[in-house]
Amino acid sequence: MPRFVAVFASLTLLAAATTLFLSGCGTTGSIHTAPLDRGTVKLTPHPEHIYLAPFDPSTAVWLAGDRQSFEMEKFKKDFQTNFLHQLQVRLLKQLGPTEPRWLDDLPDRGWLIGGEFITVSQGSRALRTMVGTGEGQTCLQTKVYVYDLSVSKTRYLLSFRTGVATPDNETGAGSGSNPAGLSAAMEPFSTLTGLGSGLKLDTTRTAREIATYLEPYYEGRK
């Protein structure tokens, strides 16, 4: 079998497995409790497996157009599924073996990565076409929690935000717009249409940001 065919088949199976996994979990997300003191314990480098719990959508500000409630719930579920799949693909590529795992079925070794969505904004395609306004951009912000299952299944060792302002990037590496999904005038986007490519790009970018942040911990450099 040609290599590209094998890769395509593997990714198709991965996407199907992620969808099946989430279909039995509703739209709830991962837990987080008090952090552990990283002065006394650190993440185990090169874990045999990395496990992913769905990110919690209930914590987010969702700016996704004038959808009816049932349409919004479907949008949230589809977004959660796609995000988990993209993150799994990126971690497999950049770190090591990764698979979805629900919280009531955790092994005693490996990492667990979960989190919550903070802001998910589709932006406005109409505003994005107005060159120079700086408005209408998409926005995706998350908070990530990392557990070492050999230490604790309920207390995380590491947490960080994605898509937030930094000294080097005022909008954050995982965000295509201003903080908290606001326009350049710091007003909420009111004209939101279609998923578009912007939020898809933010999903890919955020998955890469998470993997890059975790890389030195995976390699034992932190």
N, C-alpha and C. Protein backbone atom coordinates (compact mmCIF):
# COMPACT_ATOMS: atom_id res chain seq x y z
N MET A 1 0.85 -1.19 0.00
CA MET A 1 0.00 0.00 0.00
C MET A 1 0.88 1.24 0.00
N PRO A 2 0.66 2.21 -0.92
CA PRO A 2 1.46 3.44 -0.92
C PRO A 2 1.39 4.15 0.41
N ARG A 3 2.47 4.84 0.77
CA ARG A 3 2.56 5.46 2.09
C ARG A 3 1.46 6.50 2.30
N PHE A 4 1.18 7.32 1.27
CA PHE A 4 0.19 8.38 1.46
C PHE A 4 -1.21 7.80 1.67
N VAL A 5 -1.48 6.65 1.07
CA VAL A 5 -2.76 5.99 1.27
C VAL A 5 -2.86 5.49 2.70
N ALA A 6 -1.76 4.91 3.21
CA ALA A 6 -1.75 4.41 4.59
C ALA A 6 -1.93 5.55 5.58
N VAL A 7 -1.28 6.70 5.33
CA VAL A 7 -1.41 7.85 6.23
C VAL A 7 -2.84 8.36 6.22
N PHE A 8 -3.42 8.46 5.01
CA PHE A 8 -4.81 8.94 4.90
C PHE A 8 -5.77 8.02 5.63
N ALA A 9 -5.56 6.72 5.46
CA ALA A 9 -6.43 5.74 6.13
C ALA A 9 -6.30 5.84 7.64
N SER A 10 -5.07 6.04 8.13
CA SER A 10 -4.86 6.16 9.57
C SER A 10 -5.55 7.38 10.14
N LEU A 11 -5.46 8.53 9.43
CA LEU A 11 -6.10 9.75 9.90
C LEU A 11 -7.62 9.64 9.86
N THR A 12 -8.15 8.93 8.85
CA THR A 12 -9.59 8.73 8.77
C THR A 12 -10.09 7.91 9.95
N LEU A 13 -9.35 6.84 10.27
CA LEU A 13 -9.72 6.02 11.42
C LEU A 13 -9.61 6.80 12.71
N LEU A 14 -8.59 7.66 12.82
CA LEU A 14 -8.39 8.48 14.01
C LEU A 14 -9.56 9.43 14.21
N ALA A 15 -10.00 10.07 13.12
CA ALA A 15 -11.12 10.99 13.21
C ALA A 15 -12.40 10.26 13.61
N ALA A 16 -12.61 9.08 13.03
CA ALA A 16 -13.80 8.30 13.36
C ALA A 16 -13.78 7.87 14.82
N ALA A 17 -12.60 7.46 15.31
CA ALA A 17 -12.49 7.03 16.71
C ALA A 17 -12.76 8.19 17.66
N THR A 18 -12.27 9.39 17.30
CA THR A 18 -12.50 10.56 18.15
C THR A 18 -13.98 10.90 18.21
N THR A 19 -14.65 10.85 17.06
CA THR A 19 -16.08 11.14 17.02
C THR A 19 -16.86 10.14 17.85
N LEU A 20 -16.52 8.86 17.71
CA LEU A 20 -17.20 7.81 18.48
C LEU A 20 -16.97 7.99 19.96
N PHE A 21 -15.74 8.36 20.33
CA PHE A 21 -15.41 8.58 21.74
C PHE A 21 -16.27 9.68 22.33
N LEU A 22 -16.37 10.81 21.62
CA LEU A 22 -17.11 11.94 22.15
C LEU A 22 -18.61 11.73 22.10
N SER A 23 -19.08 10.88 21.19
CA SER A 23 -20.52 10.66 21.09
C SER A 23 -21.08 10.04 22.36
N GLY A 24 -20.24 9.35 23.11
CA GLY A 24 -20.70 8.73 24.36
C GLY A 24 -20.42 9.57 25.57
N CYS A 25 -19.88 10.79 25.36
CA CYS A 25 -19.47 11.60 26.50
C CYS A 25 -20.27 12.89 26.65
N GLY A 26 -21.22 13.13 25.76
CA GLY A 26 -21.92 14.41 25.81
C GLY A 26 -20.96 15.53 25.48
N THR A 27 -21.22 16.73 26.01
CA THR A 27 -20.34 17.86 25.74
C THR A 27 -19.59 18.30 26.98
N THR A 28 -19.60 17.48 28.03
CA THR A 28 -18.87 17.84 29.23
C THR A 28 -17.37 17.72 28.99
N GLY A 29 -16.60 18.34 29.84
CA GLY A 29 -15.16 18.35 29.62
C GLY A 29 -14.39 17.83 30.80
N SER A 30 -13.11 18.17 30.84
CA SER A 30 -12.22 17.59 31.82
C SER A 30 -12.30 18.31 33.16
N ILE A 31 -11.83 17.61 34.19
CA ILE A 31 -11.85 18.18 35.53
C ILE A 31 -10.54 18.88 35.82
N HIS A 32 -10.54 19.71 36.83
CA HIS A 32 -9.30 20.24 37.36
C HIS A 32 -9.55 20.64 38.81
N THR A 33 -8.60 20.32 39.67
CA THR A 33 -8.71 20.69 41.07
C THR A 33 -7.48 21.50 41.43
N ALA A 34 -7.06 21.44 42.67
CA ALA A 34 -5.91 22.22 43.09
C ALA A 34 -4.63 21.72 42.42
N PRO A 35 -3.71 22.62 42.13
CA PRO A 35 -2.44 22.18 41.52
C PRO A 35 -1.53 21.52 42.54
N LEU A 36 -0.63 20.69 42.05
CA LEU A 36 0.43 20.13 42.87
C LEU A 36 1.62 21.08 42.86
N ASP A 37 2.43 21.01 43.88
CA ASP A 37 3.62 21.84 44.00
C ASP A 37 4.70 21.31 43.07
N ARG A 38 5.01 22.03 42.00
CA ARG A 38 6.01 21.58 41.06
C ARG A 38 7.43 21.71 41.61
N GLY A 39 7.55 22.29 42.81
CA GLY A 39 8.87 22.33 43.42
C GLY A 39 9.30 20.98 43.97
N THR A 40 8.33 20.12 44.20
CA THR A 40 8.64 18.80 44.77
C THR A 40 8.45 17.66 43.78
N VAL A 41 7.67 17.88 42.72
CA VAL A 41 7.43 16.82 41.74
C VAL A 41 7.28 17.46 40.36
N LYS A 42 7.76 16.75 39.34
CA LYS A 42 7.69 17.25 37.97
C LYS A 42 7.02 16.22 37.08
N LEU A 43 6.59 16.67 35.92
CA LEU A 43 6.02 15.76 34.94
C LEU A 43 7.06 14.73 34.51
N THR A 44 6.66 13.49 34.45
CA THR A 44 7.56 12.42 33.99
C THR A 44 7.85 12.60 32.51
N PRO A 45 9.12 12.73 32.12
CA PRO A 45 9.42 12.90 30.69
C PRO A 45 9.18 11.62 29.91
N HIS A 46 8.95 11.78 28.63
CA HIS A 46 8.74 10.67 27.70
C HIS A 46 7.73 9.65 28.23
N PRO A 47 6.51 10.10 28.56
CA PRO A 47 5.49 9.13 29.02
C PRO A 47 5.17 8.14 27.90
N GLU A 48 4.80 6.93 28.30
CA GLU A 48 4.46 5.93 27.29
C GLU A 48 3.24 6.33 26.49
N HIS A 49 2.29 6.99 27.14
CA HIS A 49 1.09 7.44 26.46
C HIS A 49 0.69 8.82 26.97
N ILE A 50 0.07 9.58 26.08
CA ILE A 50 -0.58 10.84 26.45
C ILE A 50 -2.07 10.64 26.22
N TYR A 51 -2.88 10.93 27.23
CA TYR A 51 -4.32 10.75 27.13
C TYR A 51 -4.99 12.12 27.07
N LEU A 52 -6.02 12.22 26.25
CA LEU A 52 -6.73 13.47 26.07
C LEU A 52 -8.16 13.35 26.59
N ALA A 53 -8.55 14.30 27.41
CA ALA A 53 -9.95 14.42 27.82
C ALA A 53 -10.56 15.59 27.05
N PRO A 54 -11.84 15.51 26.69
CA PRO A 54 -12.47 16.61 25.95
C PRO A 54 -12.39 17.92 26.73
N PHE A 55 -12.13 19.01 26.02
CA PHE A 55 -12.12 20.32 26.65
C PHE A 55 -13.56 20.74 26.96
N ASP A 56 -13.72 21.40 28.10
CA ASP A 56 -15.05 21.78 28.59
C ASP A 56 -15.58 22.99 27.81
N PRO A 57 -16.71 22.85 27.12
CA PRO A 57 -17.27 23.98 26.38
C PRO A 57 -18.14 24.90 27.23
N SER A 58 -18.52 24.44 28.42
CA SER A 58 -19.47 25.21 29.23
C SER A 58 -18.83 26.45 29.84
N THR A 59 -17.51 26.53 29.84
CA THR A 59 -16.81 27.66 30.44
C THR A 59 -16.59 28.80 29.47
N ALA A 60 -16.90 28.60 28.19
CA ALA A 60 -16.49 29.55 27.15
C ALA A 60 -17.53 30.63 26.88
N VAL A 61 -17.03 31.75 26.38
CA VAL A 61 -17.86 32.75 25.72
C VAL A 61 -17.92 32.35 24.24
N TRP A 62 -19.11 32.00 23.77
CA TRP A 62 -19.30 31.54 22.39
C TRP A 62 -19.91 32.67 21.57
N LEU A 63 -19.17 33.11 20.56
CA LEU A 63 -19.65 34.13 19.64
C LEU A 63 -19.73 33.49 18.27
N ALA A 64 -20.89 32.93 17.99
CA ALA A 64 -21.02 32.10 16.79
C ALA A 64 -22.31 32.37 16.04
N GLY A 65 -22.72 33.62 15.98
CA GLY A 65 -23.86 33.98 15.17
C GLY A 65 -25.19 33.80 15.88
N ASP A 66 -26.26 34.06 15.13
CA ASP A 66 -27.61 34.02 15.68
C ASP A 66 -28.22 32.64 15.51
N ARG A 67 -27.58 31.65 16.09
CA ARG A 67 -28.08 30.28 16.00
C ARG A 67 -29.17 30.03 17.04
N GLN A 68 -30.09 29.15 16.68
CA GLN A 68 -31.04 28.66 17.67
C GLN A 68 -30.29 27.79 18.67
N SER A 69 -30.89 27.54 19.83
CA SER A 69 -30.18 26.84 20.89
C SER A 69 -29.72 25.45 20.45
N PHE A 70 -30.57 24.72 19.70
CA PHE A 70 -30.17 23.38 19.28
C PHE A 70 -29.05 23.45 18.25
N GLU A 71 -29.04 24.50 17.42
CA GLU A 71 -27.96 24.68 16.45
C GLU A 71 -26.66 25.02 17.17
N MET A 72 -26.75 25.83 18.21
CA MET A 72 -25.56 26.19 18.97
C MET A 72 -24.98 24.98 19.67
N GLU A 73 -25.82 24.12 20.23
CA GLU A 73 -25.33 22.92 20.90
C GLU A 73 -24.61 22.00 19.91
N LYS A 74 -25.15 21.89 18.71
CA LYS A 74 -24.49 21.08 17.68
C LYS A 74 -23.16 21.71 17.28
N PHE A 75 -23.14 23.03 17.15
CA PHE A 75 -21.90 23.73 16.82
C PHE A 75 -20.83 23.46 17.88
N LYS A 76 -21.22 23.55 19.16
CA LYS A 76 -20.28 23.33 20.25
C LYS A 76 -19.74 21.90 20.22
N LYS A 77 -20.63 20.93 20.01
CA LYS A 77 -20.22 19.52 20.00
C LYS A 77 -19.29 19.25 18.82
N ASP A 78 -19.64 19.79 17.64
CA ASP A 78 -18.79 19.59 16.46
C ASP A 78 -17.43 20.25 16.66
N PHE A 79 -17.44 21.44 17.26
CA PHE A 79 -16.17 22.13 17.50
C PHE A 79 -15.31 21.37 18.49
N GLN A 80 -15.93 20.88 19.57
CA GLN A 80 -15.21 20.11 20.58
C GLN A 80 -14.57 18.86 19.96
N THR A 81 -15.33 18.16 19.11
CA THR A 81 -14.83 16.96 18.46
C THR A 81 -13.66 17.26 17.55
N ASN A 82 -13.81 18.30 16.72
CA ASN A 82 -12.76 18.65 15.79
C ASN A 82 -11.50 19.11 16.51
N PHE A 83 -11.68 19.89 17.59
CA PHE A 83 -10.53 20.36 18.35
C PHE A 83 -9.75 19.20 18.95
N LEU A 84 -10.46 18.25 19.54
CA LEU A 84 -9.79 17.10 20.14
C LEU A 84 -9.03 16.30 19.09
N HIS A 85 -9.63 16.15 17.91
CA HIS A 85 -8.97 15.42 16.83
C HIS A 85 -7.70 16.15 16.38
N GLN A 86 -7.79 17.46 16.18
CA GLN A 86 -6.63 18.23 15.73
C GLN A 86 -5.51 18.19 16.77
N LEU A 87 -5.88 18.26 18.05
CA LEU A 87 -4.87 18.21 19.10
C LEU A 87 -4.22 16.83 19.16
N GLN A 88 -5.00 15.78 18.98
CA GLN A 88 -4.44 14.43 18.98
C GLN A 88 -3.46 14.24 17.83
N VAL A 89 -3.83 14.71 16.65
CA VAL A 89 -2.95 14.60 15.48
C VAL A 89 -1.64 15.34 15.72
N ARG A 90 -1.73 16.55 16.29
CA ARG A 90 -0.51 17.35 16.53
C ARG A 90 0.38 16.71 17.58
N LEU A 91 -0.20 16.21 18.68
CA LEU A 91 0.61 15.59 19.73
C LEU A 91 1.25 14.30 19.24
N LEU A 92 0.53 13.52 18.42
CA LEU A 92 1.11 12.32 17.82
C LEU A 92 2.32 12.67 16.98
N LYS A 93 2.21 13.74 16.24
CA LYS A 93 3.27 14.14 15.32
C LYS A 93 4.46 14.75 16.06
N GLN A 94 4.17 15.54 17.09
CA GLN A 94 5.22 16.34 17.72
C GLN A 94 5.79 15.72 18.99
N LEU A 95 4.97 14.93 19.71
CA LEU A 95 5.43 14.37 20.98
C LEU A 95 5.47 12.84 20.92
N GLY A 96 4.34 12.18 21.12
CA GLY A 96 4.35 10.72 21.18
C GLY A 96 2.95 10.15 21.13
N PRO A 97 2.80 8.86 21.42
CA PRO A 97 1.50 8.18 21.34
C PRO A 97 0.43 8.90 22.15
N THR A 98 -0.68 9.20 21.50
CA THR A 98 -1.76 9.98 22.11
C THR A 98 -3.10 9.37 21.77
N GLU A 99 -4.00 9.31 22.75
CA GLU A 99 -5.32 8.78 22.49
C GLU A 99 -6.34 9.42 23.41
N PRO A 100 -7.60 9.55 22.96
CA PRO A 100 -8.65 10.06 23.85
C PRO A 100 -8.91 9.07 24.97
N ARG A 101 -9.20 9.61 26.13
CA ARG A 101 -9.50 8.73 27.27
C ARG A 101 -10.45 9.46 28.20
N TRP A 102 -11.51 8.79 28.60
CA TRP A 102 -12.46 9.44 29.49
C TRP A 102 -11.98 9.36 30.93
N LEU A 103 -12.48 10.26 31.77
CA LEU A 103 -11.92 10.46 33.10
C LEU A 103 -12.20 9.33 34.09
N ASP A 104 -13.22 8.52 33.82
CA ASP A 104 -13.51 7.42 34.74
C ASP A 104 -12.81 6.13 34.33
N ASP A 105 -11.88 6.21 33.39
CA ASP A 105 -11.18 5.02 32.91
C ASP A 105 -9.71 5.36 32.65
N LEU A 106 -9.05 5.84 33.70
CA LEU A 106 -7.67 6.29 33.54
C LEU A 106 -6.68 5.26 34.06
N PRO A 107 -5.59 5.03 33.33
CA PRO A 107 -4.54 4.12 33.81
C PRO A 107 -3.71 4.80 34.90
N ASP A 108 -2.70 4.10 35.38
CA ASP A 108 -1.88 4.63 36.47
C ASP A 108 -0.58 5.26 35.98
N ARG A 109 -0.40 5.32 34.67
CA ARG A 109 0.82 5.92 34.12
C ARG A 109 0.46 6.75 32.90
N GLY A 110 1.36 7.68 32.57
CA GLY A 110 1.15 8.54 31.41
C GLY A 110 0.68 9.92 31.81
N TRP A 111 0.52 10.76 30.81
CA TRP A 111 0.00 12.10 31.02
C TRP A 111 -1.48 12.14 30.65
N LEU A 112 -2.22 13.00 31.33
CA LEU A 112 -3.58 13.34 30.93
C LEU A 112 -3.61 14.84 30.63
N ILE A 113 -4.10 15.18 29.45
CA ILE A 113 -4.24 16.58 29.06
C ILE A 113 -5.72 16.89 28.89
N GLY A 114 -6.18 17.88 29.61
CA GLY A 114 -7.56 18.34 29.49
C GLY A 114 -7.57 19.85 29.51
N GLY A 115 -8.75 20.41 29.57
CA GLY A 115 -8.80 21.86 29.61
C GLY A 115 -10.20 22.40 29.41
N GLU A 116 -10.26 23.68 29.13
CA GLU A 116 -11.53 24.35 28.94
C GLU A 116 -11.39 25.44 27.89
N PHE A 117 -12.45 25.66 27.15
CA PHE A 117 -12.47 26.76 26.20
C PHE A 117 -12.80 28.05 26.95
N ILE A 118 -12.09 29.12 26.62
CA ILE A 118 -12.33 30.42 27.24
C ILE A 118 -13.14 31.32 26.31
N THR A 119 -12.67 31.46 25.08
CA THR A 119 -13.37 32.25 24.07
C THR A 119 -13.33 31.51 22.75
N VAL A 120 -14.49 31.39 22.10
CA VAL A 120 -14.57 30.83 20.76
C VAL A 120 -15.40 31.79 19.93
N SER A 121 -14.75 32.51 19.02
CA SER A 121 -15.44 33.49 18.20
C SER A 121 -15.19 33.21 16.73
N GLN A 122 -16.27 33.15 15.96
CA GLN A 122 -16.14 32.97 14.52
C GLN A 122 -15.73 34.24 13.80
N GLY A 123 -15.84 35.37 14.46
CA GLY A 123 -15.54 36.61 13.80
C GLY A 123 -16.57 36.94 12.75
N SER A 124 -16.21 37.82 11.84
CA SER A 124 -17.13 38.25 10.78
C SER A 124 -16.38 38.32 9.47
N ARG A 125 -16.81 37.50 8.52
CA ARG A 125 -16.18 37.53 7.20
C ARG A 125 -16.37 38.88 6.54
N ALA A 126 -17.55 39.49 6.75
CA ALA A 126 -17.83 40.79 6.16
C ALA A 126 -16.86 41.85 6.67
N LEU A 127 -16.62 41.84 7.99
CA LEU A 127 -15.70 42.83 8.57
C LEU A 127 -14.26 42.54 8.15
N ARG A 128 -13.92 41.25 8.00
CA ARG A 128 -12.54 40.91 7.61
C ARG A 128 -12.21 41.39 6.21
N THR A 129 -13.23 41.55 5.36
CA THR A 129 -12.98 42.02 3.99
C THR A 129 -12.74 43.52 3.93
N MET A 130 -13.04 44.22 5.01
CA MET A 130 -12.81 45.66 5.06
C MET A 130 -11.36 45.91 5.45
N VAL A 131 -10.51 46.06 4.47
CA VAL A 131 -9.06 46.15 4.67
C VAL A 131 -8.72 47.31 5.60
N GLY A 132 -7.89 47.00 6.59
CA GLY A 132 -7.38 48.03 7.47
C GLY A 132 -8.20 48.28 8.71
N THR A 133 -9.37 47.67 8.83
CA THR A 133 -10.17 47.94 10.02
C THR A 133 -9.68 47.15 11.23
N GLY A 134 -9.09 45.97 11.00
CA GLY A 134 -8.61 45.15 12.11
C GLY A 134 -9.72 44.44 12.84
N GLU A 135 -10.93 44.49 12.30
CA GLU A 135 -12.06 43.86 12.97
C GLU A 135 -12.48 42.58 12.25
N GLY A 136 -13.35 41.83 12.92
CA GLY A 136 -13.92 40.64 12.31
C GLY A 136 -13.07 39.40 12.40
N GLN A 137 -11.94 39.47 13.09
CA GLN A 137 -11.05 38.32 13.17
C GLN A 137 -11.62 37.25 14.11
N THR A 138 -11.23 36.01 13.86
CA THR A 138 -11.64 34.92 14.74
C THR A 138 -10.81 34.93 16.02
N CYS A 139 -11.29 34.18 17.00
CA CYS A 139 -10.57 34.11 18.27
C CYS A 139 -10.81 32.76 18.94
N LEU A 140 -9.74 32.14 19.37
CA LEU A 140 -9.84 30.90 20.14
C LEU A 140 -8.86 30.97 21.30
N GLN A 141 -9.38 30.89 22.50
CA GLN A 141 -8.56 30.91 23.70
C GLN A 141 -8.94 29.73 24.58
N THR A 142 -7.94 29.08 25.16
CA THR A 142 -8.19 27.93 26.02
C THR A 142 -7.33 28.01 27.28
N LYS A 143 -7.69 27.20 28.26
CA LYS A 143 -6.81 26.95 29.40
C LYS A 143 -6.57 25.45 29.45
N VAL A 144 -5.31 25.06 29.58
CA VAL A 144 -4.90 23.66 29.50
C VAL A 144 -4.41 23.20 30.87
N TYR A 145 -4.80 21.96 31.23
CA TYR A 145 -4.34 21.34 32.47
C TYR A 145 -3.65 20.02 32.13
N VAL A 146 -2.48 19.79 32.75
CA VAL A 146 -1.71 18.58 32.47
C VAL A 146 -1.49 17.82 33.78
N TYR A 147 -1.86 16.54 33.77
CA TYR A 147 -1.73 15.67 34.94
C TYR A 147 -0.72 14.58 34.64
N ASP A 148 0.05 14.22 35.65
CA ASP A 148 0.91 13.03 35.58
C ASP A 148 0.18 11.94 36.35
N LEU A 149 -0.32 10.95 35.64
CA LEU A 149 -1.18 9.94 36.27
C LEU A 149 -0.45 9.07 37.27
N SER A 150 0.88 9.02 37.19
CA SER A 150 1.64 8.25 38.17
C SER A 150 1.74 9.01 39.50
N VAL A 151 1.36 10.29 39.47
CA VAL A 151 1.40 11.12 40.68
C VAL A 151 -0.01 11.37 41.22
N SER A 152 -0.92 11.82 40.35
CA SER A 152 -2.29 12.10 40.78
C SER A 152 -3.20 12.12 39.55
N LYS A 153 -4.41 11.64 39.73
CA LYS A 153 -5.40 11.66 38.65
C LYS A 153 -6.37 12.83 38.78
N THR A 154 -6.22 13.60 39.84
CA THR A 154 -7.15 14.70 40.08
C THR A 154 -6.47 16.04 40.31
N ARG A 155 -5.19 16.04 40.58
CA ARG A 155 -4.46 17.30 40.82
C ARG A 155 -3.43 17.49 39.73
N TYR A 156 -3.52 18.61 39.05
CA TYR A 156 -2.66 18.85 37.89
C TYR A 156 -1.29 19.40 38.28
N LEU A 157 -0.33 19.11 37.43
CA LEU A 157 1.04 19.58 37.64
C LEU A 157 1.37 20.83 36.84
N LEU A 158 0.59 21.09 35.81
CA LEU A 158 0.92 22.19 34.91
C LEU A 158 -0.38 22.76 34.34
N SER A 159 -0.46 24.07 34.25
CA SER A 159 -1.58 24.71 33.57
C SER A 159 -1.07 25.94 32.83
N PHE A 160 -1.70 26.26 31.70
CA PHE A 160 -1.30 27.42 30.93
C PHE A 160 -2.43 27.83 30.00
N ARG A 161 -2.37 29.08 29.55
CA ARG A 161 -3.38 29.61 28.63
C ARG A 161 -2.84 29.62 27.21
N THR A 162 -3.72 29.51 26.25
CA THR A 162 -3.35 29.67 24.84
C THR A 162 -4.18 30.79 24.24
N GLY A 163 -3.62 31.40 23.21
CA GLY A 163 -4.34 32.46 22.51
C GLY A 163 -4.47 33.74 23.29
N VAL A 164 -3.52 34.02 24.18
CA VAL A 164 -3.58 35.22 24.99
C VAL A 164 -2.38 36.10 24.67
N ALA A 165 -2.49 37.34 25.12
CA ALA A 165 -1.43 38.30 24.83
C ALA A 165 -0.12 37.91 25.48
N THR A 166 0.98 38.10 24.75
CA THR A 166 2.33 37.90 25.26
C THR A 166 3.17 39.09 24.85
N PRO A 167 4.36 39.28 25.46
CA PRO A 167 5.21 40.40 25.05
C PRO A 167 5.60 40.34 23.58
N ASP A 168 5.68 39.13 23.02
CA ASP A 168 6.10 38.98 21.62
C ASP A 168 4.95 38.95 20.64
N ASN A 169 3.74 38.71 21.14
CA ASN A 169 2.60 38.56 20.25
C ASN A 169 1.37 39.08 20.97
N GLU A 170 0.92 40.26 20.59
CA GLU A 170 -0.11 40.93 21.37
C GLU A 170 -1.47 40.25 21.31
N THR A 171 -1.67 39.35 20.36
CA THR A 171 -2.95 38.65 20.30
C THR A 171 -2.84 37.20 20.71
N GLY A 172 -1.64 36.69 20.95
CA GLY A 172 -1.48 35.30 21.33
C GLY A 172 -1.34 34.40 20.12
N ALA A 173 -0.53 33.36 20.25
CA ALA A 173 -0.24 32.48 19.12
C ALA A 173 -1.43 31.68 18.67
N GLY A 174 -2.42 31.50 19.53
CA GLY A 174 -3.57 30.69 19.16
C GLY A 174 -4.79 31.51 18.85
N SER A 175 -4.62 32.80 18.61
CA SER A 175 -5.77 33.66 18.39
C SER A 175 -5.57 34.52 17.17
N GLY A 176 -6.63 34.71 16.42
CA GLY A 176 -6.55 35.56 15.24
C GLY A 176 -7.14 36.92 15.48
N SER A 177 -7.49 37.26 16.72
CA SER A 177 -8.14 38.54 16.96
C SER A 177 -7.73 39.11 18.31
N ASN A 178 -8.43 40.14 18.70
CA ASN A 178 -8.16 40.78 19.98
C ASN A 178 -8.60 39.88 21.13
N PRO A 179 -8.05 40.12 22.34
CA PRO A 179 -8.39 39.28 23.48
C PRO A 179 -9.89 39.21 23.73
N ALA A 180 -10.33 38.03 24.19
CA ALA A 180 -11.71 37.78 24.60
C ALA A 180 -12.72 37.94 23.48
N GLY A 181 -12.28 37.83 22.21
CA GLY A 181 -13.21 37.85 21.10
C GLY A 181 -13.82 39.22 20.84
N LEU A 182 -13.11 40.29 21.21
CA LEU A 182 -13.63 41.62 21.03
C LEU A 182 -13.04 42.26 19.78
N SER A 183 -13.75 43.25 19.26
CA SER A 183 -13.28 43.96 18.09
C SER A 183 -12.18 44.93 18.48
N ALA A 184 -11.61 45.61 17.49
CA ALA A 184 -10.56 46.59 17.77
C ALA A 184 -11.09 47.71 18.65
N ALA A 185 -12.39 47.94 18.58
CA ALA A 185 -13.01 48.96 19.43
C ALA A 185 -13.43 48.39 20.77
N MET A 186 -13.02 47.12 21.05
CA MET A 186 -13.33 46.43 22.29
C MET A 186 -14.83 46.23 22.46
N GLU A 187 -15.52 46.00 21.33
CA GLU A 187 -16.94 45.68 21.36
C GLU A 187 -17.14 44.25 20.87
N PRO A 188 -18.11 43.50 21.40
CA PRO A 188 -18.36 42.14 20.92
C PRO A 188 -18.75 42.14 19.45
N PHE A 189 -18.29 41.12 18.71
CA PHE A 189 -18.72 40.97 17.34
C PHE A 189 -20.21 40.65 17.32
N SER A 190 -20.96 41.36 16.51
CA SER A 190 -22.40 41.12 16.45
C SER A 190 -22.82 40.48 15.14
N THR A 191 -22.00 40.61 14.10
CA THR A 191 -22.33 40.03 12.81
C THR A 191 -21.41 38.84 12.58
N LEU A 192 -21.89 37.65 12.89
CA LEU A 192 -21.08 36.45 12.82
C LEU A 192 -21.70 35.48 11.84
N THR A 193 -20.91 35.03 10.86
CA THR A 193 -21.46 34.17 9.82
C THR A 193 -20.54 33.01 9.54
N GLY A 194 -21.12 31.81 9.38
CA GLY A 194 -20.38 30.65 8.87
C GLY A 194 -19.13 30.30 9.66
N LEU A 195 -18.71 29.05 9.61
CA LEU A 195 -17.49 28.64 10.30
C LEU A 195 -16.27 29.28 9.67
N GLY A 196 -16.19 29.24 8.32
CA GLY A 196 -15.08 29.88 7.64
C GLY A 196 -13.75 29.24 7.96
N SER A 197 -12.72 29.71 7.29
CA SER A 197 -11.39 29.12 7.46
C SER A 197 -10.67 29.67 8.67
N GLY A 198 -11.06 30.87 9.14
CA GLY A 198 -10.33 31.50 10.23
C GLY A 198 -10.32 30.68 11.50
N LEU A 199 -11.48 30.21 11.95
CA LEU A 199 -11.56 29.44 13.18
C LEU A 199 -10.91 28.07 13.01
N LYS A 200 -10.98 27.51 11.81
CA LYS A 200 -10.29 26.25 11.54
C LYS A 200 -8.78 26.44 11.68
N LEU A 201 -8.28 27.55 11.16
CA LEU A 201 -6.86 27.84 11.29
C LEU A 201 -6.48 28.05 12.75
N ASP A 202 -7.35 28.72 13.51
CA ASP A 202 -7.09 28.93 14.94
C ASP A 202 -7.03 27.61 15.68
N THR A 203 -7.88 26.65 15.30
CA THR A 203 -7.87 25.33 15.92
C THR A 203 -6.53 24.64 15.69
N THR A 204 -6.07 24.66 14.45
CA THR A 204 -4.77 24.06 14.12
C THR A 204 -3.65 24.77 14.84
N ARG A 205 -3.71 26.10 14.88
CA ARG A 205 -2.68 26.91 15.51
C ARG A 205 -2.63 26.65 17.02
N THR A 206 -3.79 26.52 17.64
CA THR A 206 -3.84 26.28 19.08
C THR A 206 -3.30 24.90 19.42
N ALA A 207 -3.63 23.90 18.61
CA ALA A 207 -3.09 22.55 18.83
C ALA A 207 -1.56 22.58 18.75
N ARG A 208 -1.04 23.31 17.78
CA ARG A 208 0.41 23.42 17.65
C ARG A 208 1.01 24.17 18.83
N GLU A 209 0.32 25.21 19.30
CA GLU A 209 0.80 25.98 20.45
C GLU A 209 0.89 25.10 21.69
N ILE A 210 -0.12 24.26 21.92
CA ILE A 210 -0.12 23.36 23.08
C ILE A 210 1.03 22.37 22.98
N ALA A 211 1.20 21.75 21.82
CA ALA A 211 2.27 20.77 21.64
C ALA A 211 3.65 21.41 21.82
N THR A 212 3.83 22.59 21.30
CA THR A 212 5.12 23.28 21.40
C THR A 212 5.42 23.66 22.85
N TYR A 213 4.38 24.09 23.57
CA TYR A 213 4.56 24.44 24.98
C TYR A 213 4.98 23.22 25.79
N LEU A 214 4.41 22.07 25.47
CA LEU A 214 4.68 20.85 26.24
C LEU A 214 5.96 20.14 25.83
N GLU A 215 6.51 20.48 24.69
CA GLU A 215 7.68 19.76 24.17
C GLU A 215 8.85 19.69 25.14
N PRO A 216 9.27 20.82 25.75
CA PRO A 216 10.40 20.72 26.69
C PRO A 216 10.10 19.87 27.93
N TYR A 217 8.84 19.82 28.35
CA TYR A 217 8.47 18.96 29.47
C TYR A 217 8.52 17.49 29.04
N TYR A 218 8.07 17.24 27.84
CA TYR A 218 8.10 15.86 27.31
C TYR A 218 9.54 15.37 27.19
N GLU A 219 10.42 16.25 26.79
CA GLU A 219 11.82 15.87 26.60
C GLU A 219 12.64 15.94 27.88
N GLY A 220 12.03 16.39 28.98
CA GLY A 220 12.74 16.44 30.25
C GLY A 220 13.62 17.65 30.42
N ARG A 221 13.41 18.68 29.62
CA ARG A 221 14.23 19.89 29.71
C ARG A 221 13.66 20.90 30.71
N LYS A 222 12.46 20.61 31.23
CA LYS A 222 11.85 21.49 32.23
C LYS A 222 11.32 20.65 33.37
